[in-house]
Amino acid sequence: MYITNWEEFQKAAEELYIASPELTRYVHTFHRSDGDLVLKVTDDRTNLKYKTNQMTDLKKFISLNNSLMLNMMNKQPTDEDTVIPDAIPAAVKTIVPDVKTASPKQTPKGKKGGKKRR
């Protein structure tokens, strides 16, 4: 059974985790062919599912992940714990150099190993 309202799903998922943290599992799957994101929270007695294909729900998904992870670490949320991928400052982006990967033409040539077949 899928819950259609995000607020209901998030509240129920957090309550389920708080009620039985040792037994609760949280799984998310992305079905590439359909573009559907499916979230499932269960404690083997109660199954909570939410399914979406909207990009706007992605930030809600990240928020739920952060909330559940903080609960799992017994921490209270702070401003430092909230990270939005597109909100990384430009100064941080310039500190990390771009990593270049070698193309197949640039890889060193060597002997091909293995036994010869007869």
C-alpha atoms as a PDB file:
ATOM      1  CA  MET A   1       0.000   0.000   0.000  1.00  0.00           C
ATOM      2  CA  TYR A   2       1.440   3.355  -1.040  1.00  0.00           C
ATOM      3  CA  ILE A   3       0.936   6.561   0.921  1.00  0.00           C
ATOM      4  CA  THR A   4       0.146   9.364  -1.521  1.00  0.00           C
ATOM      5  CA  ASN A   5       0.779  12.388   0.720  1.00  0.00           C
ATOM      6  CA  TRP A   6       4.448  13.164   1.453  1.00  0.00           C
ATOM      7  CA  GLU A   7       3.827  14.773   4.853  1.00  0.00           C
ATOM      8  CA  GLU A   8       1.893  11.717   6.041  1.00  0.00           C
ATOM      9  CA  PHE A   9       4.635   9.386   4.802  1.00  0.00           C
ATOM     10  CA  GLN A  10       7.442  11.362   6.427  1.00  0.00           C
ATOM     11  CA  LYS A  11       5.633  11.636   9.754  1.00  0.00           C
ATOM     12  CA  ALA A  12       4.701   7.937   9.755  1.00  0.00           C
ATOM     13  CA  ALA A  13       8.255   6.887   8.768  1.00  0.00           C
ATOM     14  CA  GLU A  14       9.842   8.925  11.561  1.00  0.00           C
ATOM     15  CA  GLU A  15       7.310   7.635  14.113  1.00  0.00           C
ATOM     16  CA  LEU A  16       7.904   4.046  13.004  1.00  0.00           C
ATOM     17  CA  TYR A  17      11.661   4.471  13.431  1.00  0.00           C
ATOM     18  CA  ILE A  18      11.315   6.115  16.852  1.00  0.00           C
ATOM     19  CA  ALA A  19       8.984   3.305  18.014  1.00  0.00           C
ATOM     20  CA  SER A  20      11.391   0.486  17.101  1.00  0.00           C
ATOM     21  CA  PRO A  21      14.825   1.682  15.934  1.00  0.00           C
ATOM     22  CA  GLU A  22      16.431  -1.783  16.144  1.00  0.00           C
ATOM     23  CA  LEU A  23      13.915  -3.389  13.791  1.00  0.00           C
ATOM     24  CA  THR A  24      13.208  -0.599  11.320  1.00  0.00           C
ATOM     25  CA  ARG A  25      14.692  -0.737   7.824  1.00  0.00           C
ATOM     26  CA  TYR A  26      14.641   2.040   5.248  1.00  0.00           C
ATOM     27  CA  VAL A  27      15.140   1.277   1.563  1.00  0.00           C
ATOM     28  CA  HIS A  28      14.956   3.478  -1.495  1.00  0.00           C
ATOM     29  CA  THR A  29      15.001   2.260  -5.075  1.00  0.00           C
ATOM     30  CA  PHE A  30      15.016   4.108  -8.366  1.00  0.00           C
ATOM     31  CA  HIS A  31      13.376   2.481 -11.366  1.00  0.00           C
ATOM     32  CA  ARG A  32      15.253   3.981 -14.273  1.00  0.00           C
ATOM     33  CA  SER A  33      12.870   2.797 -16.983  1.00  0.00           C
ATOM     34  CA  ASP A  34       9.859   4.488 -15.373  1.00  0.00           C
ATOM     35  CA  GLY A  35      11.699   7.292 -13.592  1.00  0.00           C
ATOM     36  CA  ASP A  36      10.037   6.299 -10.318  1.00  0.00           C
ATOM     37  CA  LEU A  37      11.593   6.691  -6.891  1.00  0.00           C
ATOM     38  CA  VAL A  38      10.151   4.251  -4.344  1.00  0.00           C
ATOM     39  CA  LEU A  39      10.772   4.682  -0.618  1.00  0.00           C
ATOM     40  CA  LYS A  40       9.976   1.898   1.831  1.00  0.00           C
ATOM     41  CA  VAL A  41      10.157   1.913   5.617  1.00  0.00           C
ATOM     42  CA  THR A  42       9.309  -1.294   7.452  1.00  0.00           C
ATOM     43  CA  ASP A  43       9.646  -3.022  10.808  1.00  0.00           C
ATOM     44  CA  ASP A  44       8.322  -6.381   9.510  1.00  0.00           C
ATOM     45  CA  ARG A  45       4.869  -5.640  10.906  1.00  0.00           C
ATOM     46  CA  THR A  46       4.179  -2.294   9.246  1.00  0.00           C
ATOM     47  CA  ASN A  47       5.103  -1.371   5.676  1.00  0.00           C
ATOM     48  CA  LEU A  48       5.134   2.254   4.586  1.00  0.00           C
ATOM     49  CA  LYS A  49       5.706   3.012   0.919  1.00  0.00           C
ATOM     50  CA  TYR A  50       5.854   6.193  -1.107  1.00  0.00           C
ATOM     51  CA  LYS A  51       6.259   6.370  -4.869  1.00  0.00           C
ATOM     52  CA  THR A  52       7.002   9.457  -6.944  1.00  0.00           C
ATOM     53  CA  ASN A  53       8.347  10.514 -10.309  1.00  0.00           C
ATOM     54  CA  GLN A  54       8.504  14.255  -9.564  1.00  0.00           C
ATOM     55  CA  MET A  55      11.841  16.061  -9.355  1.00  0.00           C
ATOM     56  CA  THR A  56      10.394  18.415  -6.741  1.00  0.00           C
ATOM     57  CA  ASP A  57      10.166  15.495  -4.304  1.00  0.00           C
ATOM     58  CA  LEU A  58      13.934  14.979  -4.483  1.00  0.00           C
ATOM     59  CA  LYS A  59      14.651  17.675  -1.875  1.00  0.00           C
ATOM     60  CA  LYS A  60      12.000  16.124   0.376  1.00  0.00           C
ATOM     61  CA  PHE A  61      13.732  12.759  -0.061  1.00  0.00           C
ATOM     62  CA  ILE A  62      17.093  14.285   0.927  1.00  0.00           C
ATOM     63  CA  SER A  63      15.461  15.925   3.939  1.00  0.00           C
ATOM     64  CA  LEU A  64      13.962  12.601   5.073  1.00  0.00           C
ATOM     65  CA  ASN A  65      17.346  10.892   4.664  1.00  0.00           C
ATOM     66  CA  ASN A  66      19.012  13.557   6.807  1.00  0.00           C
ATOM     67  CA  SER A  67      16.309  13.308   9.460  1.00  0.00           C
ATOM     68  CA  LEU A  68      16.474   9.515   9.696  1.00  0.00           C
ATOM     69  CA  MET A  69      20.281   9.505   9.731  1.00  0.00           C
ATOM     70  CA  LEU A  70      20.356  12.050  12.546  1.00  0.00           C
ATOM     71  CA  ASN A  71      17.863   9.937  14.503  1.00  0.00           C
ATOM     72  CA  MET A  72      20.082   6.892  13.937  1.00  0.00           C
ATOM     73  CA  MET A  73      23.072   8.795  15.338  1.00  0.00           C
ATOM     74  CA  ASN A  74      21.031  10.209  18.261  1.00  0.00           C
ATOM     75  CA  LYS A  75      21.736  13.777  17.181  1.00  0.00           C
ATOM     76  CA  GLN A  76      19.578  16.856  16.926  1.00  0.00           C
ATOM     77  CA  PRO A  77      19.518  18.637  13.549  1.00  0.00           C
ATOM     78  CA  THR A  78      21.737  21.712  13.138  1.00  0.00           C
ATOM     79  CA  ASP A  79      22.426  24.052  10.238  1.00  0.00           C
ATOM     80  CA  GLU A  80      25.681  22.217   9.505  1.00  0.00           C
ATOM     81  CA  ASP A  81      23.813  18.928   8.989  1.00  0.00           C
ATOM     82  CA  THR A  82      21.651  20.364   6.230  1.00  0.00           C
ATOM     83  CA  VAL A  83      23.537  20.084   2.952  1.00  0.00           C
ATOM     84  CA  ILE A  84      21.890  20.870  -0.346  1.00  0.00           C
ATOM     85  CA  PRO A  85      24.057  19.695  -3.270  1.00  0.00           C
ATOM     86  CA  ASP A  86      23.573  22.785  -5.443  1.00  0.00           C
ATOM     87  CA  ALA A  87      24.299  25.150  -2.524  1.00  0.00           C
ATOM     88  CA  ILE A  88      28.049  24.436  -2.326  1.00  0.00           C
ATOM     89  CA  PRO A  89      29.937  27.758  -2.212  1.00  0.00           C
ATOM     90  CA  ALA A  90      32.069  28.693  -5.209  1.00  0.00           C
ATOM     91  CA  ALA A  91      35.159  28.968  -2.956  1.00  0.00           C
ATOM     92  CA  VAL A  92      34.875  25.286  -2.061  1.00  0.00           C
ATOM     93  CA  LYS A  93      34.475  24.327  -5.711  1.00  0.00           C
ATOM     94  CA  THR A  94      37.710  26.130  -6.619  1.00  0.00           C
ATOM     95  CA  ILE A  95      39.697  24.445  -3.817  1.00  0.00           C
ATOM     96  CA  VAL A  96      39.065  20.951  -5.163  1.00  0.00           C
ATOM     97  CA  PRO A  97      40.886  20.514  -8.482  1.00  0.00           C
ATOM     98  CA  ASP A  98      39.264  18.747 -11.389  1.00  0.00           C
ATOM     99  CA  VAL A  99      40.383  15.162 -11.621  1.00  0.00           C
ATOM    100  CA  LYS A 100      41.204  14.027 -15.127  1.00  0.00           C
ATOM    101  CA  THR A 101      40.783  10.415 -16.051  1.00  0.00           C
ATOM    102  CA  ALA A 102      42.843   8.728 -18.699  1.00  0.00           C
ATOM    103  CA  SER A 103      41.092   7.886 -21.919  1.00  0.00           C
ATOM    104  CA  PRO A 104      41.748   4.464 -23.446  1.00  0.00           C
ATOM    105  CA  LYS A 105      44.230   6.009 -25.919  1.00  0.00           C
ATOM    106  CA  GLN A 106      46.272   7.511 -23.057  1.00  0.00           C
ATOM    107  CA  THR A 107      46.620   4.351 -21.002  1.00  0.00           C
ATOM    108  CA  PRO A 108      50.062   2.754 -21.049  1.00  0.00           C
ATOM    109  CA  LYS A 109      50.524  -0.100 -23.460  1.00  0.00           C
ATOM    110  CA  GLY A 110      51.949  -3.294 -22.150  1.00  0.00           C
ATOM    111  CA  LYS A 111      52.078  -6.951 -22.849  1.00  0.00           C
ATOM    112  CA  LYS A 112      48.777  -8.673 -22.822  1.00  0.00           C
ATOM    113  CA  GLY A 113      48.917 -11.336 -20.185  1.00  0.00           C
ATOM    114  CA  GLY A 114      47.528 -14.787 -20.292  1.00  0.00           C
ATOM    115  CA  LYS A 115      48.256 -18.093 -21.873  1.00  0.00           C
ATOM    116  CA  LYS A 116      48.287 -18.634 -25.580  1.00  0.00           C
ATOM    117  CA  ARG A 117      45.731 -21.009 -26.894  1.00  0.00           C
ATOM    118  CA  ARG A 118      46.799 -23.751 -29.242  1.00  0.00           C
END
